[in-house]
């Protein structure tokens, strides 16, 4: 009897593991995690397909390799990141042209970019609002004209990216006090608060930017390219699940910069559950 039960259990587990499902991935920061959960719940709700979540994979290159290899079926990515970090193409400031270029470039790996979700997560050079007021700073040109060099804090990728630190310094003549402090992006705002850094390279949709304590300096020379967020999915997955494209298409254009900032704030500032924040977002969209 025990042997029969064990055999039944093994067969049940094998059956469950072989059930068709979609694997949703993400990079390793709040915005990616909440977007992955929104995407996963949308698939479960509207496509009726089981979803496995592989969130917090790491940086851009790790997520991209996971997608190419089939370890994941889809994840949210940013057009400017794909253009410069993956395709190694020159910076382009036209959002439509960038999307067209990444779609064409990713075709070599049989990957499809769906329509953008609606927000542009460009880099944001952030200072404390009190410093901005005291030093009369509203733009990066103002920051470059400051006599003292800046104590700068950045994420790990910003130092190496072609659209990152070196290009920013050249575009504005921005002077940095020694080497920038590299850190996890989630620590930038604490470092600004305690004075470890004076300026941080954050993102336009960071949840902490919902607070009046911080000010984004305008990119008045338009250095940063567009970083529209869209879902990138394997062509094989789209073929296997014909209902998937329409289900994900319902998310296109639904998330503004402000909405994304609030979603991030609900998790980082208010310490709410990622699953609850994603569910409430989707439910709001379904109400008449």
Protein backbone atom coordinates (compact mmCIF):
# COMPACT_ATOMS: atom_id res chain seq x y z
CA UNK A 1 0.00 0.00 0.00
CA UNK A 2 2.85 2.34 0.89
CA UNK A 3 4.66 1.50 -2.34
CA UNK A 4 1.51 2.19 -4.36
CA UNK A 5 1.09 5.55 -2.66
CA UNK A 6 4.70 6.49 -3.39
CA UNK A 7 4.34 5.55 -7.06
CA UNK A 8 1.17 7.63 -7.26
CA UNK A 9 2.96 10.60 -5.65
CA UNK A 10 5.88 10.38 -8.07
CA UNK A 11 3.54 10.21 -11.07
CA UNK A 12 1.57 13.15 -9.73
CA UNK A 13 4.70 15.26 -9.33
CA UNK A 14 5.92 14.38 -12.81
CA UNK A 15 2.53 15.24 -14.23
CA UNK A 16 2.52 18.62 -12.49
CA UNK A 17 6.01 19.51 -13.62
CA UNK A 18 5.21 18.72 -17.26
CA UNK A 19 2.04 20.82 -17.32
CA UNK A 20 2.32 23.64 -19.89
CA UNK A 21 3.22 26.89 -18.17
CA UNK A 22 4.89 30.23 -18.80
CA UNK A 23 7.98 31.42 -16.92
CA UNK A 24 8.03 35.14 -16.15
CA UNK A 25 11.36 36.66 -15.16
CA UNK A 26 12.65 40.00 -13.92
CA UNK A 27 15.81 41.85 -13.01
CA UNK A 28 16.75 42.50 -9.41
CA UNK A 29 15.07 45.74 -8.38
CA UNK A 30 11.62 46.72 -7.15
CA UNK A 31 10.18 48.02 -10.41
CA UNK A 32 11.08 44.86 -12.28
CA UNK A 33 9.70 42.64 -9.54
CA UNK A 34 6.32 44.39 -9.38
CA UNK A 35 6.06 44.50 -13.19
CA UNK A 36 6.81 40.78 -13.37
CA UNK A 37 4.06 40.11 -10.84
CA UNK A 38 1.58 42.27 -12.77
CA UNK A 39 2.48 40.38 -15.96
CA UNK A 40 2.21 37.00 -14.21
CA UNK A 41 -1.21 37.77 -12.73
CA UNK A 42 -2.42 39.15 -16.06
CA UNK A 43 -1.44 35.90 -17.78
CA UNK A 44 -3.17 33.83 -15.13
CA UNK A 45 -6.32 35.98 -15.31
CA UNK A 46 -6.66 36.57 -19.03
CA UNK A 47 -4.74 33.77 -20.75
CA UNK A 48 -5.66 31.03 -18.30
CA UNK A 49 -2.12 29.66 -18.23
CA UNK A 50 -0.13 28.59 -15.17
CA UNK A 51 2.82 30.87 -14.41
CA UNK A 52 6.16 30.17 -12.82
CA UNK A 53 7.94 33.23 -11.43
CA UNK A 54 11.72 33.64 -11.68
CA UNK A 55 12.15 37.14 -10.32
CA UNK A 56 15.25 38.90 -9.03
CA UNK A 57 17.48 37.20 -11.62
CA UNK A 58 20.17 39.89 -11.59
CA UNK A 59 21.21 42.59 -14.03
CA UNK A 60 20.43 43.19 -17.69
CA UNK A 61 22.84 40.65 -19.17
CA UNK A 62 21.71 37.83 -16.87
CA UNK A 63 18.04 38.45 -17.66
CA UNK A 64 18.76 38.63 -21.39
CA UNK A 65 20.73 35.38 -21.38
CA UNK A 66 17.96 33.66 -19.42
CA UNK A 67 15.49 34.75 -22.10
CA UNK A 68 17.69 33.64 -25.00
CA UNK A 69 18.35 30.24 -23.42
CA UNK A 70 14.69 29.59 -22.62
CA UNK A 71 15.17 29.62 -18.85
CA UNK A 72 12.43 32.26 -18.88
CA UNK A 73 9.77 33.00 -21.48
CA UNK A 74 9.47 36.76 -21.06
CA UNK A 75 10.45 39.73 -18.92
CA UNK A 76 10.07 43.53 -18.94
CA UNK A 77 12.95 45.45 -20.52
CA UNK A 78 13.75 49.04 -21.47
CA UNK A 79 14.33 50.16 -25.04
CA UNK A 80 17.35 52.36 -24.31
CA UNK A 81 18.98 49.60 -22.27
CA UNK A 82 18.45 47.06 -25.04
CA UNK A 83 19.82 49.43 -27.67
CA UNK A 84 23.03 50.33 -25.86
CA UNK A 85 23.79 47.49 -23.43
CA UNK A 86 22.62 44.49 -25.49
CA UNK A 87 22.81 45.54 -29.14
CA UNK A 88 25.79 47.88 -28.59
CA UNK A 89 24.25 50.45 -30.93
CA UNK A 90 24.73 54.22 -30.79
CA UNK A 91 22.43 56.26 -28.58
CA UNK A 92 19.28 57.42 -30.38
CA UNK A 93 16.95 60.03 -28.88
CA UNK A 94 13.83 59.19 -30.94
CA UNK A 95 11.58 56.77 -28.97
CA UNK A 96 9.89 55.30 -32.05
CA UNK A 97 13.20 54.80 -33.82
CA UNK A 98 14.71 53.11 -30.76
CA UNK A 99 11.78 50.70 -30.47
CA UNK A 100 12.06 49.85 -34.18
CA UNK A 101 15.81 49.26 -33.85
CA UNK A 102 15.51 46.94 -30.85
CA UNK A 103 12.68 45.00 -32.48
CA UNK A 104 14.82 44.45 -35.54
CA UNK A 105 17.92 43.64 -33.49
CA UNK A 106 16.18 41.12 -31.22
CA UNK A 107 14.73 39.23 -34.18
CA UNK A 108 18.10 37.48 -34.50
CA UNK A 109 17.29 35.66 -31.24
CA UNK A 110 13.62 35.05 -32.17
CA UNK A 111 12.45 37.48 -29.50
CA UNK A 112 9.53 39.90 -29.88
CA UNK A 113 9.05 43.31 -28.27
CA UNK A 114 5.40 44.00 -27.51
CA UNK A 115 3.91 47.49 -27.35
CA UNK A 116 5.37 49.69 -24.56
CA UNK A 117 3.61 49.70 -21.20
CA UNK A 118 3.38 53.49 -21.14
CA UNK A 119 6.22 54.86 -19.02
CA UNK A 120 9.75 56.01 -19.72
CA UNK A 121 12.15 54.96 -16.98
CA UNK A 122 15.01 57.21 -17.99
CA UNK A 123 17.89 57.95 -15.66
CA UNK A 124 17.19 60.67 -13.11
CA UNK A 125 19.98 62.65 -11.47
CA UNK A 126 18.62 63.32 -8.00
CA UNK A 127 19.60 65.73 -5.22
CA UNK A 128 18.01 66.66 -1.92
CA UNK A 129 15.37 69.32 -2.36
CA UNK A 130 16.95 71.45 0.37
CA UNK A 131 20.25 71.46 -1.56
CA UNK A 132 18.49 72.29 -4.81
CA UNK A 133 16.83 75.29 -3.21
CA UNK A 134 19.91 76.53 -1.37
CA UNK A 135 22.16 76.20 -4.43
CA UNK A 136 19.54 77.27 -7.00
CA UNK A 137 19.73 74.01 -8.91
CA UNK A 138 17.04 72.94 -11.36
CA UNK A 139 19.02 71.34 -14.20
CA UNK A 140 22.18 69.37 -14.88
CA UNK A 141 23.66 72.48 -16.47
CA UNK A 142 23.19 74.23 -13.12
CA UNK A 143 24.90 71.29 -11.42
CA UNK A 144 27.84 71.43 -13.85
CA UNK A 145 28.27 75.16 -13.16
CA UNK A 146 28.62 74.60 -9.42
CA UNK A 147 32.19 75.45 -8.33
CA UNK A 148 32.60 72.34 -6.16
CA UNK A 149 32.78 68.85 -7.68
CA UNK A 150 29.99 66.45 -6.78
CA UNK A 151 30.01 63.43 -4.49
CA UNK A 152 28.14 61.07 -6.80
CA UNK A 153 26.40 57.77 -6.06
CA UNK A 154 25.46 55.35 -8.86
CA UNK A 155 24.26 51.81 -9.50
CA UNK A 156 26.81 49.25 -10.62
CA UNK A 157 25.82 49.32 -14.30
CA UNK A 158 25.90 53.11 -14.62
CA UNK A 159 29.70 53.27 -14.52
CA UNK A 160 30.11 50.87 -17.45
CA UNK A 161 27.17 51.72 -19.69
CA UNK A 162 27.76 53.76 -22.88
CA UNK A 163 24.76 55.89 -21.90
CA UNK A 164 26.03 56.26 -18.34
CA UNK A 165 28.66 58.16 -16.39
CA UNK A 166 31.36 58.96 -18.95
CA UNK A 167 28.93 60.26 -21.53
CA UNK A 168 27.12 62.31 -18.88
CA UNK A 169 30.37 63.95 -17.78
CA UNK A 170 31.24 64.83 -21.37
CA UNK A 171 27.77 66.13 -22.22
CA UNK A 172 27.66 68.53 -19.29
CA UNK A 173 31.24 68.94 -18.16
CA UNK A 174 30.06 67.56 -14.83
CA UNK A 175 32.91 67.29 -12.32
CA UNK A 176 32.98 64.38 -9.87
CA UNK A 177 34.81 64.33 -6.54
CA UNK A 178 36.95 61.22 -6.95
CA UNK A 179 35.43 57.92 -8.04
CA UNK A 180 31.64 57.66 -7.77
CA UNK A 181 30.27 55.55 -4.93
CA UNK A 182 28.73 52.41 -6.45
CA UNK A 183 25.86 50.81 -4.56
CA UNK A 184 22.61 48.94 -4.85
CA UNK A 185 20.01 51.27 -6.33
CA UNK A 186 17.81 50.83 -3.29
CA UNK A 187 20.45 52.51 -1.13
CA UNK A 188 20.81 55.72 -3.16
CA UNK A 189 18.17 57.69 -1.31
CA UNK A 190 19.45 56.73 2.13
CA UNK A 191 22.93 57.81 1.01
CA UNK A 192 21.50 61.16 -0.11
CA UNK A 193 19.70 61.60 3.19
CA UNK A 194 22.77 60.95 5.33
CA UNK A 195 25.13 62.99 3.16
CA UNK A 196 27.28 60.10 1.95
CA UNK A 197 26.59 61.40 -1.55
CA UNK A 198 25.28 64.72 -2.89
CA UNK A 199 23.81 63.46 -6.18
CA UNK A 200 22.48 60.05 -7.13
CA UNK A 201 21.85 58.42 -10.49
CA UNK A 202 18.37 57.06 -9.91
CA UNK A 203 15.46 56.30 -12.18
CA UNK A 204 12.56 58.56 -13.15
CA UNK A 205 10.03 56.10 -11.74
CA UNK A 206 11.72 55.46 -8.37
CA UNK A 207 9.14 55.29 -5.61
CA UNK A 208 11.12 57.65 -3.42
CA UNK A 209 10.62 60.42 -5.99
CA UNK A 210 7.01 60.53 -4.86
CA UNK A 211 8.43 62.29 -1.76
CA UNK A 212 9.07 66.05 -1.79
CA UNK A 213 12.38 65.41 -0.05
CA UNK A 214 14.09 64.75 -3.39
CA UNK A 215 14.40 66.74 -6.64
CA UNK A 216 15.25 65.50 -10.13
CA UNK A 217 17.59 67.79 -12.06
CA UNK A 218 16.34 68.36 -15.60
CA UNK A 219 18.33 66.73 -18.39
CA UNK A 220 18.23 70.03 -20.27
CA UNK A 221 20.71 68.90 -22.94
CA UNK A 222 18.71 65.70 -23.53
CA UNK A 223 21.63 63.38 -22.95
CA UNK A 224 19.75 60.27 -21.87
CA UNK A 225 17.99 58.18 -24.54
CA UNK A 226 14.40 56.95 -24.09
CA UNK A 227 13.88 53.95 -21.82
CA UNK A 228 10.35 52.91 -22.66
CA UNK A 229 9.44 49.70 -20.89
CA UNK A 230 7.92 46.81 -22.83
CA UNK A 231 7.56 43.07 -22.46
CA UNK A 232 10.07 40.98 -24.45
CA UNK A 233 8.87 37.45 -25.18
CA UNK A 234 10.19 34.40 -26.97
CA UNK A 235 8.57 33.77 -30.37
CA UNK A 236 8.29 30.09 -29.47
CA UNK A 237 6.22 30.99 -26.41
CA UNK A 238 3.87 33.20 -28.46
CA UNK A 239 3.37 30.30 -30.88
CA UNK A 240 2.75 27.79 -28.11
CA UNK A 241 0.21 30.00 -26.34
CA UNK A 242 -1.83 31.87 -29.01
CA UNK A 243 -3.91 33.68 -26.36
CA UNK A 244 -0.83 35.21 -24.71
CA UNK A 245 -0.24 38.15 -27.03
CA UNK A 246 -3.77 39.51 -26.63
CA UNK A 247 -3.64 39.10 -22.84
CA UNK A 248 -0.37 40.99 -22.57
CA UNK A 249 -1.54 43.56 -25.12
CA UNK A 250 -4.12 44.75 -22.59
CA UNK A 251 -1.25 46.16 -20.49
CA UNK A 252 0.07 48.36 -23.32
CA UNK A 253 -0.04 52.07 -22.46
CA UNK A 254 -1.62 51.45 -19.06
CA UNK A 255 1.28 52.44 -16.78
CA UNK A 256 2.28 56.11 -16.76
CA UNK A 257 5.46 57.48 -15.16
CA UNK A 258 3.39 58.62 -12.18
CA UNK A 259 1.60 55.29 -11.83
CA UNK A 260 4.87 53.38 -11.91
CA UNK A 261 6.31 55.69 -9.29
CA UNK A 262 3.31 55.03 -7.04
CA UNK A 263 3.57 51.26 -7.54
CA UNK A 264 7.22 51.39 -6.54
CA UNK A 265 6.44 53.61 -3.55
CA UNK A 266 3.77 51.21 -2.31
CA UNK A 267 6.47 48.56 -1.95
CA UNK A 268 9.62 50.52 -1.05
CA UNK A 269 8.03 53.19 1.13
CA UNK A 270 4.83 51.57 2.40
CA UNK A 271 6.26 48.03 2.59
CA UNK A 272 3.23 46.43 0.98
CA UNK A 273 3.10 42.98 -0.58
CA UNK A 274 4.16 42.85 -4.24
CA UNK A 275 1.32 40.43 -4.99
CA UNK A 276 -1.27 42.74 -3.39
CA UNK A 277 0.01 45.84 -5.20
CA UNK A 278 -0.07 44.02 -8.55
CA UNK A 279 -3.55 42.60 -7.93
CA UNK A 280 -5.00 45.98 -6.96
CA UNK A 281 -3.49 47.62 -10.04
CA UNK A 282 -5.11 45.04 -12.32
CA UNK A 283 -8.44 45.28 -10.51
CA UNK A 284 -8.49 49.06 -10.90
CA UNK A 285 -8.14 48.64 -14.64
CA UNK A 286 -11.00 46.18 -14.81
CA UNK A 287 -13.52 48.39 -13.01
CA UNK A 288 -16.05 50.24 -15.23
